[in-house]
All heavy atoms as atom14 arrays in JSON, in Angstrom:
{
  "sequence": "KSESVSSLVRNYEYIALVFQGGGALGSYQAGVFEALSEAGIEPNWMSG",
  "atom14_mask": [
    [1, 1, 1, 1, 1, 1, 1, 1, 1, 0, 0, 0, 0, 0],
    [1, 1, 1, 1, 1, 1, 0, 0, 0, 0, 0, 0, 0, 0],
    [1, 1, 1, 1, 1, 1, 1, 1, 1, 0, 0, 0, 0, 0],
    [1, 1, 1, 1, 1, 1, 0, 0, 0, 0, 0, 0, 0, 0],
    [1, 1, 1, 1, 1, 1, 1, 0, 0, 0, 0, 0, 0, 0],
    [1, 1, 1, 1, 1, 1, 0, 0, 0, 0, 0, 0, 0, 0],
    [1, 1, 1, 1, 1, 1, 0, 0, 0, 0, 0, 0, 0, 0],
    [1, 1, 1, 1, 1, 1, 1, 1, 0, 0, 0, 0, 0, 0],
    [1, 1, 1, 1, 1, 1, 1, 0, 0, 0, 0, 0, 0, 0],
    [1, 1, 1, 1, 1, 1, 1, 1, 1, 1, 1, 0, 0, 0],
    [1, 1, 1, 1, 1, 1, 1, 1, 0, 0, 0, 0, 0, 0],
    [1, 1, 1, 1, 1, 1, 1, 1, 1, 1, 1, 1, 0, 0],
    [1, 1, 1, 1, 1, 1, 1, 1, 1, 0, 0, 0, 0, 0],
    [1, 1, 1, 1, 1, 1, 1, 1, 1, 1, 1, 1, 0, 0],
    [1, 1, 1, 1, 1, 1, 1, 1, 0, 0, 0, 0, 0, 0],
    [1, 1, 1, 1, 1, 0, 0, 0, 0, 0, 0, 0, 0, 0],
    [1, 1, 1, 1, 1, 1, 1, 1, 0, 0, 0, 0, 0, 0],
    [1, 1, 1, 1, 1, 1, 1, 0, 0, 0, 0, 0, 0, 0],
    [1, 1, 1, 1, 1, 1, 1, 1, 1, 1, 1, 0, 0, 0],
    [1, 1, 1, 1, 1, 1, 1, 1, 1, 0, 0, 0, 0, 0],
    [1, 1, 1, 1, 0, 0, 0, 0, 0, 0, 0, 0, 0, 0],
    [1, 1, 1, 1, 0, 0, 0, 0, 0, 0, 0, 0, 0, 0],
    [1, 1, 1, 1, 0, 0, 0, 0, 0, 0, 0, 0, 0, 0],
    [1, 1, 1, 1, 1, 0, 0, 0, 0, 0, 0, 0, 0, 0],
    [1, 1, 1, 1, 1, 1, 1, 1, 0, 0, 0, 0, 0, 0],
    [1, 1, 1, 1, 0, 0, 0, 0, 0, 0, 0, 0, 0, 0],
    [1, 1, 1, 1, 1, 1, 0, 0, 0, 0, 0, 0, 0, 0],
    [1, 1, 1, 1, 1, 1, 1, 1, 1, 1, 1, 1, 0, 0],
    [1, 1, 1, 1, 1, 1, 1, 1, 1, 0, 0, 0, 0, 0],
    [1, 1, 1, 1, 1, 0, 0, 0, 0, 0, 0, 0, 0, 0],
    [1, 1, 1, 1, 0, 0, 0, 0, 0, 0, 0, 0, 0, 0],
    [1, 1, 1, 1, 1, 1, 1, 0, 0, 0, 0, 0, 0, 0],
    [1, 1, 1, 1, 1, 1, 1, 1, 1, 1, 1, 0, 0, 0],
    [1, 1, 1, 1, 1, 1, 1, 1, 1, 0, 0, 0, 0, 0],
    [1, 1, 1, 1, 1, 0, 0, 0, 0, 0, 0, 0, 0, 0],
    [1, 1, 1, 1, 1, 1, 1, 1, 0, 0, 0, 0, 0, 0],
    [1, 1, 1, 1, 1, 1, 0, 0, 0, 0, 0, 0, 0, 0],
    [1, 1, 1, 1, 1, 1, 1, 1, 1, 0, 0, 0, 0, 0],
    [1, 1, 1, 1, 1, 0, 0, 0, 0, 0, 0, 0, 0, 0],
    [1, 1, 1, 1, 0, 0, 0, 0, 0, 0, 0, 0, 0, 0],
    [1, 1, 1, 1, 1, 1, 1, 1, 0, 0, 0, 0, 0, 0],
    [1, 1, 1, 1, 1, 1, 1, 1, 1, 0, 0, 0, 0, 0],
    [1, 1, 1, 1, 1, 1, 1, 0, 0, 0, 0, 0, 0, 0],
    [1, 1, 1, 1, 1, 1, 1, 1, 0, 0, 0, 0, 0, 0],
    [1, 1, 1, 1, 1, 1, 1, 1, 1, 1, 1, 1, 1, 1],
    [1, 1, 1, 1, 1, 1, 1, 1, 0, 0, 0, 0, 0, 0],
    [1, 1, 1, 1, 1, 1, 0, 0, 0, 0, 0, 0, 0, 0],
    [1, 1, 1, 1, 0, 0, 0, 0, 0, 0, 0, 0, 0, 0]
  ],
  "atom14_positions": [
    [[182.07, -73.82, 226.1], [181.33, -72.9, 225.28], [179.97, -73.56, 224.83], [178.92, -72.98, 224.92], [182.13, -72.46, 224.03], [181.42, -71.4, 223.16], [182.21, -71.08, 221.92], [183.53, -70.44, 222.32], [184.27, -70.03, 221.12], [0.0, 0.0, 0.0], [0.0, 0.0, 0.0], [0.0, 0.0, 0.0], [0.0, 0.0, 0.0], [0.0, 0.0, 0.0]],
    [[180.12, -74.88, 224.43], [178.91, -75.56, 223.97], [177.87, -75.76, 225.14], [176.78, -75.55, 225.0], [179.34, -76.95, 223.48], [178.15, -77.75, 223.11], [0.0, 0.0, 0.0], [0.0, 0.0, 0.0], [0.0, 0.0, 0.0], [0.0, 0.0, 0.0], [0.0, 0.0, 0.0], [0.0, 0.0, 0.0], [0.0, 0.0, 0.0], [0.0, 0.0, 0.0]],
    [[178.5, -76.04, 226.39], [177.64, -76.22, 227.52], [176.97, -74.92, 227.92], [175.79, -74.87, 228.29], [178.49, -76.8, 228.79], [178.96, -78.24, 228.48], [179.91, -78.69, 229.61], [180.32, -77.77, 230.36], [180.18, -79.87, 229.62], [0.0, 0.0, 0.0], [0.0, 0.0, 0.0], [0.0, 0.0, 0.0], [0.0, 0.0, 0.0], [0.0, 0.0, 0.0]],
    [[177.73, -73.84, 227.77], [177.19, -72.5, 228.08], [176.03, -72.13, 227.11], [174.99, -71.71, 227.53], [178.28, -71.37, 227.95], [177.71, -70.1, 228.22], [0.0, 0.0, 0.0], [0.0, 0.0, 0.0], [0.0, 0.0, 0.0], [0.0, 0.0, 0.0], [0.0, 0.0, 0.0], [0.0, 0.0, 0.0], [0.0, 0.0, 0.0], [0.0, 0.0, 0.0]],
    [[176.19, -72.4, 225.84], [175.18, -72.13, 224.83], [173.94, -73.05, 225.1], [172.85, -72.61, 225.15], [175.72, -72.36, 223.36], [174.62, -72.37, 222.41], [176.69, -71.27, 223.05], [0.0, 0.0, 0.0], [0.0, 0.0, 0.0], [0.0, 0.0, 0.0], [0.0, 0.0, 0.0], [0.0, 0.0, 0.0], [0.0, 0.0, 0.0], [0.0, 0.0, 0.0]],
    [[174.25, -74.3, 225.43], [173.15, -75.27, 225.67], [172.3, -74.91, 226.86], [171.1, -74.99, 226.87], [173.76, -76.68, 225.89], [174.44, -77.13, 224.7], [0.0, 0.0, 0.0], [0.0, 0.0, 0.0], [0.0, 0.0, 0.0], [0.0, 0.0, 0.0], [0.0, 0.0, 0.0], [0.0, 0.0, 0.0], [0.0, 0.0, 0.0], [0.0, 0.0, 0.0]],
    [[173.03, -74.37, 227.93], [172.28, -73.97, 229.12], [171.4, -72.71, 228.85], [170.32, -72.63, 229.48], [173.28, -73.68, 230.27], [174.13, -72.62, 229.93], [0.0, 0.0, 0.0], [0.0, 0.0, 0.0], [0.0, 0.0, 0.0], [0.0, 0.0, 0.0], [0.0, 0.0, 0.0], [0.0, 0.0, 0.0], [0.0, 0.0, 0.0], [0.0, 0.0, 0.0]],
    [[171.87, -71.86, 227.99], [171.07, -70.69, 227.68], [169.87, -70.99, 226.82], [168.8, -70.43, 227.06], [171.97, -69.61, 226.91], [172.98, -68.89, 227.8], [173.96, -68.1, 226.82], [172.39, -68.03, 228.78], [0.0, 0.0, 0.0], [0.0, 0.0, 0.0], [0.0, 0.0, 0.0], [0.0, 0.0, 0.0], [0.0, 0.0, 0.0], [0.0, 0.0, 0.0]],
    [[170.08, -71.9, 225.85], [168.84, -72.19, 224.91], [167.91, -73.09, 225.64], [166.7, -73.15, 225.2], [169.38, -72.82, 223.58], [170.27, -71.88, 222.91], [170.01, -74.15, 223.92], [0.0, 0.0, 0.0], [0.0, 0.0, 0.0], [0.0, 0.0, 0.0], [0.0, 0.0, 0.0], [0.0, 0.0, 0.0], [0.0, 0.0, 0.0], [0.0, 0.0, 0.0]],
    [[168.21, -73.73, 226.69], [167.3, -74.62, 227.45], [166.21, -73.78, 228.12], [165.16, -74.36, 228.54], [168.01, -75.46, 228.58], [168.62, -76.69, 227.95], [168.89, -77.64, 229.11], [169.95, -77.12, 230.01], [171.25, -77.36, 229.87], [171.74, -78.11, 228.9], [172.1, -76.88, 230.83], [0.0, 0.0, 0.0], [0.0, 0.0, 0.0], [0.0, 0.0, 0.0]],
    [[166.33, -72.48, 228.22], [165.39, -71.61, 228.84], [164.13, -71.47, 227.86], [163.09, -70.89, 228.27], [165.95, -70.28, 229.19], [167.05, -70.38, 230.28], [166.86, -71.17, 231.14], [168.04, -69.55, 230.16], [0.0, 0.0, 0.0], [0.0, 0.0, 0.0], [0.0, 0.0, 0.0], [0.0, 0.0, 0.0], [0.0, 0.0, 0.0], [0.0, 0.0, 0.0]],
    [[164.33, -71.75, 226.58], [163.26, -71.47, 225.61], [162.43, -72.78, 225.46], [163.01, -73.94, 225.46], [163.88, -71.12, 224.31], [164.54, -69.83, 224.28], [165.93, -69.67, 224.53], [163.84, -68.64, 224.1], [166.59, -68.45, 224.54], [164.47, -67.42, 224.08], [165.86, -67.27, 224.3], [166.53, -66.08, 224.33], [0.0, 0.0, 0.0], [0.0, 0.0, 0.0]],
    [[161.16, -72.61, 225.26], [160.28, -73.81, 225.02], [160.35, -74.29, 223.56], [160.29, -75.46, 223.34], [158.84, -73.37, 225.3], [158.58, -73.09, 226.75], [157.22, -72.45, 227.03], [156.22, -73.35, 227.13], [157.07, -71.28, 227.13], [0.0, 0.0, 0.0], [0.0, 0.0, 0.0], [0.0, 0.0, 0.0], [0.0, 0.0, 0.0], [0.0, 0.0, 0.0]],
    [[160.59, -73.31, 222.7], [160.8, -73.65, 221.28], [162.11, -73.07, 220.81], [162.45, -71.91, 221.03], [159.66, -73.05, 220.36], [158.4, -73.92, 220.29], [157.21, -73.41, 220.71], [158.49, -75.19, 219.8], [156.1, -74.16, 220.68], [157.35, -75.97, 219.73], [156.13, -75.47, 220.1], [155.02, -76.27, 220.03], [0.0, 0.0, 0.0], [0.0, 0.0, 0.0]],
    [[162.9, -73.91, 220.11], [164.04, -73.43, 219.27], [163.73, -73.7, 217.92], [163.55, -74.86, 217.41], [165.31, -74.26, 219.7], [165.56, -74.03, 221.21], [166.5, -73.7, 218.84], [166.76, -74.89, 221.72], [0.0, 0.0, 0.0], [0.0, 0.0, 0.0], [0.0, 0.0, 0.0], [0.0, 0.0, 0.0], [0.0, 0.0, 0.0], [0.0, 0.0, 0.0]],
    [[163.51, -72.65, 217.18], [163.02, -72.78, 215.77], [164.0, -72.42, 214.71], [164.86, -71.47, 214.86], [161.82, -71.81, 215.58], [0.0, 0.0, 0.0], [0.0, 0.0, 0.0], [0.0, 0.0, 0.0], [0.0, 0.0, 0.0], [0.0, 0.0, 0.0], [0.0, 0.0, 0.0], [0.0, 0.0, 0.0], [0.0, 0.0, 0.0], [0.0, 0.0, 0.0]],
    [[163.99, -73.16, 213.59], [164.73, -72.86, 212.4], [163.79, -72.34, 211.37], [162.64, -72.93, 211.17], [165.35, -74.16, 211.77], [166.58, -74.78, 212.62], [167.06, -75.96, 211.78], [167.62, -73.8, 212.88], [0.0, 0.0, 0.0], [0.0, 0.0, 0.0], [0.0, 0.0, 0.0], [0.0, 0.0, 0.0], [0.0, 0.0, 0.0], [0.0, 0.0, 0.0]],
    [[164.08, -71.2, 210.77], [163.26, -70.56, 209.67], [164.15, -70.45, 208.49], [165.03, -69.58, 208.52], [162.61, -69.24, 210.1], [161.81, -68.61, 209.02], [161.71, -69.44, 211.35], [0.0, 0.0, 0.0], [0.0, 0.0, 0.0], [0.0, 0.0, 0.0], [0.0, 0.0, 0.0], [0.0, 0.0, 0.0], [0.0, 0.0, 0.0], [0.0, 0.0, 0.0]],
    [[163.88, -71.32, 207.43], [164.78, -71.24, 206.3], [164.04, -70.72, 205.01], [163.04, -71.3, 204.61], [165.25, -72.72, 205.99], [166.35, -73.19, 206.91], [166.9, -72.38, 207.9], [166.95, -74.44, 206.7], [167.9, -72.88, 208.7], [167.97, -74.92, 207.57], [168.47, -74.16, 208.53], [0.0, 0.0, 0.0], [0.0, 0.0, 0.0], [0.0, 0.0, 0.0]],
    [[164.57, -69.69, 204.48], [164.09, -69.07, 203.21], [164.41, -69.93, 202.04], [165.3, -70.74, 202.04], [164.77, -67.7, 203.15], [164.11, -66.75, 202.13], [164.78, -65.42, 202.07], [165.92, -65.34, 201.59], [164.16, -64.35, 202.62], [0.0, 0.0, 0.0], [0.0, 0.0, 0.0], [0.0, 0.0, 0.0], [0.0, 0.0, 0.0], [0.0, 0.0, 0.0]],
    [[163.72, -69.72, 200.91], [164.04, -70.34, 199.66], [165.11, -69.58, 198.99], [165.36, -68.45, 199.16], [0.0, 0.0, 0.0], [0.0, 0.0, 0.0], [0.0, 0.0, 0.0], [0.0, 0.0, 0.0], [0.0, 0.0, 0.0], [0.0, 0.0, 0.0], [0.0, 0.0, 0.0], [0.0, 0.0, 0.0], [0.0, 0.0, 0.0], [0.0, 0.0, 0.0]],
    [[165.85, -70.28, 198.02], [166.91, -69.7, 197.33], [167.76, -70.66, 196.51], [168.91, -70.36, 196.23], [0.0, 0.0, 0.0], [0.0, 0.0, 0.0], [0.0, 0.0, 0.0], [0.0, 0.0, 0.0], [0.0, 0.0, 0.0], [0.0, 0.0, 0.0], [0.0, 0.0, 0.0], [0.0, 0.0, 0.0], [0.0, 0.0, 0.0], [0.0, 0.0, 0.0]],
    [[167.2, -71.83, 196.16], [167.89, -72.74, 195.27], [169.34, -73.06, 195.67], [169.5, -73.58, 196.81], [0.0, 0.0, 0.0], [0.0, 0.0, 0.0], [0.0, 0.0, 0.0], [0.0, 0.0, 0.0], [0.0, 0.0, 0.0], [0.0, 0.0, 0.0], [0.0, 0.0, 0.0], [0.0, 0.0, 0.0], [0.0, 0.0, 0.0], [0.0, 0.0, 0.0]],
    [[170.26, -72.9, 194.81], [171.64, -73.3, 195.06], [172.29, -72.62, 196.24], [173.36, -73.07, 196.83], [172.57, -73.03, 193.79], [0.0, 0.0, 0.0], [0.0, 0.0, 0.0], [0.0, 0.0, 0.0], [0.0, 0.0, 0.0], [0.0, 0.0, 0.0], [0.0, 0.0, 0.0], [0.0, 0.0, 0.0], [0.0, 0.0, 0.0], [0.0, 0.0, 0.0]],
    [[171.73, -71.45, 196.7], [172.26, -70.76, 197.88], [171.97, -71.51, 199.15], [172.55, -71.18, 200.21], [171.66, -69.39, 197.93], [171.91, -68.48, 196.7], [171.02, -67.19, 196.9], [173.32, -68.11, 196.65], [0.0, 0.0, 0.0], [0.0, 0.0, 0.0], [0.0, 0.0, 0.0], [0.0, 0.0, 0.0], [0.0, 0.0, 0.0], [0.0, 0.0, 0.0]],
    [[171.14, -72.55, 199.11], [170.63, -73.29, 200.23], [171.77, -73.94, 201.1], [171.54, -74.28, 202.28], [0.0, 0.0, 0.0], [0.0, 0.0, 0.0], [0.0, 0.0, 0.0], [0.0, 0.0, 0.0], [0.0, 0.0, 0.0], [0.0, 0.0, 0.0], [0.0, 0.0, 0.0], [0.0, 0.0, 0.0], [0.0, 0.0, 0.0], [0.0, 0.0, 0.0]],
    [[172.91, -74.17, 200.49], [174.02, -74.85, 201.25], [174.49, -73.86, 202.38], [175.05, -74.36, 203.37], [175.14, -75.28, 200.44], [175.71, -74.2, 199.72], [0.0, 0.0, 0.0], [0.0, 0.0, 0.0], [0.0, 0.0, 0.0], [0.0, 0.0, 0.0], [0.0, 0.0, 0.0], [0.0, 0.0, 0.0], [0.0, 0.0, 0.0], [0.0, 0.0, 0.0]],
    [[174.19, -72.63, 202.29], [174.5, -71.66, 203.34], [173.75, -72.04, 204.65], [174.27, -72.05, 205.81], [174.15, -70.21, 202.91], [174.22, -69.14, 204.01], [175.48, -68.57, 204.25], [173.16, -68.78, 204.73], [175.62, -67.64, 205.28], [173.2, -67.77, 205.76], [174.47, -67.18, 205.96], [174.58, -66.27, 206.96], [0.0, 0.0, 0.0], [0.0, 0.0, 0.0]],
    [[172.45, -72.43, 204.44], [171.63, -72.9, 205.57], [172.19, -74.18, 206.21], [172.21, -74.32, 207.38], [170.19, -73.08, 205.12], [169.56, -71.83, 204.57], [168.17, -72.14, 203.88], [167.96, -73.3, 203.49], [167.38, -71.05, 203.84], [0.0, 0.0, 0.0], [0.0, 0.0, 0.0], [0.0, 0.0, 0.0], [0.0, 0.0, 0.0], [0.0, 0.0, 0.0]],
    [[172.68, -75.09, 205.36], [173.26, -76.34, 205.91], [174.5, -75.99, 206.75], [174.72, -76.58, 207.75], [173.63, -77.22, 204.74], [0.0, 0.0, 0.0], [0.0, 0.0, 0.0], [0.0, 0.0, 0.0], [0.0, 0.0, 0.0], [0.0, 0.0, 0.0], [0.0, 0.0, 0.0], [0.0, 0.0, 0.0], [0.0, 0.0, 0.0], [0.0, 0.0, 0.0]],
    [[175.34, -74.99, 206.36], [176.49, -74.61, 207.12], [176.03, -74.01, 208.48], [176.67, -74.24, 209.48], [0.0, 0.0, 0.0], [0.0, 0.0, 0.0], [0.0, 0.0, 0.0], [0.0, 0.0, 0.0], [0.0, 0.0, 0.0], [0.0, 0.0, 0.0], [0.0, 0.0, 0.0], [0.0, 0.0, 0.0], [0.0, 0.0, 0.0], [0.0, 0.0, 0.0]],
    [[174.97, -73.17, 208.45], [174.48, -72.64, 209.68], [173.99, -73.77, 210.66], [174.36, -73.77, 211.79], [173.22, -71.74, 209.39], [172.47, -71.38, 210.69], [173.68, -70.45, 208.77], [0.0, 0.0, 0.0], [0.0, 0.0, 0.0], [0.0, 0.0, 0.0], [0.0, 0.0, 0.0], [0.0, 0.0, 0.0], [0.0, 0.0, 0.0], [0.0, 0.0, 0.0]],
    [[173.34, -74.72, 210.08], [172.89, -75.87, 210.96], [174.04, -76.69, 211.48], [173.98, -77.14, 212.65], [171.94, -76.81, 210.21], [171.48, -77.96, 211.02], [170.54, -77.69, 212.05], [172.01, -79.22, 210.95], [170.2, -78.71, 212.9], [171.6, -80.27, 211.8], [170.65, -79.99, 212.71], [0.0, 0.0, 0.0], [0.0, 0.0, 0.0], [0.0, 0.0, 0.0]],
    [[175.11, -76.88, 210.66], [176.3, -77.6, 211.25], [176.84, -76.83, 212.54], [177.2, -77.54, 213.45], [177.35, -77.62, 210.15], [178.57, -78.49, 210.69], [179.6, -78.68, 209.59], [179.53, -78.1, 208.51], [180.63, -79.43, 209.88], [0.0, 0.0, 0.0], [0.0, 0.0, 0.0], [0.0, 0.0, 0.0], [0.0, 0.0, 0.0], [0.0, 0.0, 0.0]],
    [[176.88, -75.53, 212.44], [177.39, -74.78, 213.63], [176.49, -74.97, 214.79], [176.94, -75.08, 215.94], [177.58, -73.29, 213.28], [0.0, 0.0, 0.0], [0.0, 0.0, 0.0], [0.0, 0.0, 0.0], [0.0, 0.0, 0.0], [0.0, 0.0, 0.0], [0.0, 0.0, 0.0], [0.0, 0.0, 0.0], [0.0, 0.0, 0.0], [0.0, 0.0, 0.0]],
    [[175.16, -74.94, 214.62], [174.2, -75.11, 215.67], [174.37, -76.55, 216.29], [174.27, -76.79, 217.46], [172.79, -74.99, 215.15], [172.44, -73.61, 214.55], [170.94, -73.56, 214.22], [172.72, -72.46, 215.59], [0.0, 0.0, 0.0], [0.0, 0.0, 0.0], [0.0, 0.0, 0.0], [0.0, 0.0, 0.0], [0.0, 0.0, 0.0], [0.0, 0.0, 0.0]],
    [[174.55, -77.54, 215.49], [174.78, -78.95, 215.86], [176.02, -79.01, 216.6], [176.13, -79.75, 217.68], [174.83, -79.85, 214.68], [174.98, -81.19, 215.03], [0.0, 0.0, 0.0], [0.0, 0.0, 0.0], [0.0, 0.0, 0.0], [0.0, 0.0, 0.0], [0.0, 0.0, 0.0], [0.0, 0.0, 0.0], [0.0, 0.0, 0.0], [0.0, 0.0, 0.0]],
    [[177.11, -78.4, 216.17], [178.36, -78.3, 217.04], [178.05, -77.84, 218.44], [178.74, -78.32, 219.43], [179.35, -77.45, 216.35], [180.04, -78.01, 215.12], [180.91, -76.97, 214.44], [180.95, -75.74, 214.89], [181.71, -77.32, 213.53], [0.0, 0.0, 0.0], [0.0, 0.0, 0.0], [0.0, 0.0, 0.0], [0.0, 0.0, 0.0], [0.0, 0.0, 0.0]],
    [[177.26, -76.86, 218.52], [177.04, -76.23, 219.85], [176.02, -76.9, 220.64], [175.7, -76.49, 221.78], [176.53, -74.79, 219.62], [0.0, 0.0, 0.0], [0.0, 0.0, 0.0], [0.0, 0.0, 0.0], [0.0, 0.0, 0.0], [0.0, 0.0, 0.0], [0.0, 0.0, 0.0], [0.0, 0.0, 0.0], [0.0, 0.0, 0.0], [0.0, 0.0, 0.0]],
    [[175.48, -78.09, 220.18], [174.53, -78.87, 220.9], [173.1, -78.32, 220.84], [172.31, -78.65, 221.76], [0.0, 0.0, 0.0], [0.0, 0.0, 0.0], [0.0, 0.0, 0.0], [0.0, 0.0, 0.0], [0.0, 0.0, 0.0], [0.0, 0.0, 0.0], [0.0, 0.0, 0.0], [0.0, 0.0, 0.0], [0.0, 0.0, 0.0], [0.0, 0.0, 0.0]],
    [[172.79, -77.47, 219.9], [171.45, -76.91, 219.74], [170.62, -77.74, 218.92], [170.93, -77.97, 217.77], [171.54, -75.52, 219.23], [172.36, -74.57, 220.13], [170.16, -74.89, 218.97], [172.63, -73.11, 219.56], [0.0, 0.0, 0.0], [0.0, 0.0, 0.0], [0.0, 0.0, 0.0], [0.0, 0.0, 0.0], [0.0, 0.0, 0.0], [0.0, 0.0, 0.0]],
    [[169.51, -78.2, 219.44], [168.59, -79.13, 218.71], [167.25, -78.41, 218.6], [166.51, -78.24, 219.58], [168.44, -80.52, 219.41], [169.68, -81.33, 219.44], [169.43, -82.66, 219.94], [168.21, -83.08, 220.07], [170.37, -83.42, 220.3], [0.0, 0.0, 0.0], [0.0, 0.0, 0.0], [0.0, 0.0, 0.0], [0.0, 0.0, 0.0], [0.0, 0.0, 0.0]],
    [[166.94, -78.01, 217.39], [165.67, -77.28, 217.12], [164.46, -78.31, 217.27], [164.58, -79.45, 216.99], [165.75, -76.81, 215.69], [166.73, -77.73, 215.03], [167.78, -78.11, 216.13], [0.0, 0.0, 0.0], [0.0, 0.0, 0.0], [0.0, 0.0, 0.0], [0.0, 0.0, 0.0], [0.0, 0.0, 0.0], [0.0, 0.0, 0.0], [0.0, 0.0, 0.0]],
    [[163.37, -77.73, 217.8], [162.15, -78.59, 217.86], [161.07, -78.04, 217.04], [159.86, -78.51, 217.1], [161.78, -78.7, 219.28], [161.63, -77.45, 220.04], [161.61, -76.31, 219.46], [161.42, -77.51, 221.38], [0.0, 0.0, 0.0], [0.0, 0.0, 0.0], [0.0, 0.0, 0.0], [0.0, 0.0, 0.0], [0.0, 0.0, 0.0], [0.0, 0.0, 0.0]],
    [[161.27, -76.91, 216.28], [160.32, -76.51, 215.32], [161.06, -76.02, 214.12], [161.92, -75.09, 214.19], [159.4, -75.37, 215.81], [158.18, -75.01, 214.95], [157.99, -75.44, 213.67], [157.07, -74.27, 215.33], [156.85, -74.9, 213.19], [156.19, -74.21, 214.2], [156.66, -73.62, 216.48], [154.99, -73.58, 214.18], [155.45, -72.9, 216.44], [154.63, -72.9, 215.35]],
    [[160.87, -76.62, 212.96], [161.51, -76.3, 211.75], [160.6, -75.92, 210.64], [159.6, -76.58, 210.4], [162.43, -77.47, 211.31], [163.56, -77.78, 212.17], [164.0, -79.56, 212.36], [162.84, -80.06, 213.59], [0.0, 0.0, 0.0], [0.0, 0.0, 0.0], [0.0, 0.0, 0.0], [0.0, 0.0, 0.0], [0.0, 0.0, 0.0], [0.0, 0.0, 0.0]],
    [[160.88, -74.69, 210.02], [159.96, -74.27, 209.0], [160.79, -73.77, 207.8], [161.85, -73.15, 207.92], [159.16, -73.09, 209.62], [158.13, -72.61, 208.64], [0.0, 0.0, 0.0], [0.0, 0.0, 0.0], [0.0, 0.0, 0.0], [0.0, 0.0, 0.0], [0.0, 0.0, 0.0], [0.0, 0.0, 0.0], [0.0, 0.0, 0.0], [0.0, 0.0, 0.0]],
    [[160.29, -74.08, 206.62], [161.04, -73.69, 205.42], [160.14, -73.55, 204.19], [159.06, -74.04, 204.15], [0.0, 0.0, 0.0], [0.0, 0.0, 0.0], [0.0, 0.0, 0.0], [0.0, 0.0, 0.0], [0.0, 0.0, 0.0], [0.0, 0.0, 0.0], [0.0, 0.0, 0.0], [0.0, 0.0, 0.0], [0.0, 0.0, 0.0], [0.0, 0.0, 0.0]]
  ]
}
């Protein structure tokens, strides 16, 4: 599954993270990133 996801995202020139503000709610974003990391997805543009 990870290899399948990684092969699909390789087609993109940019993999971007866009994180909204929200104080203590921000650990939700950390959980999202953990799942992306599990799948072998490495963003190359991060904005927050």
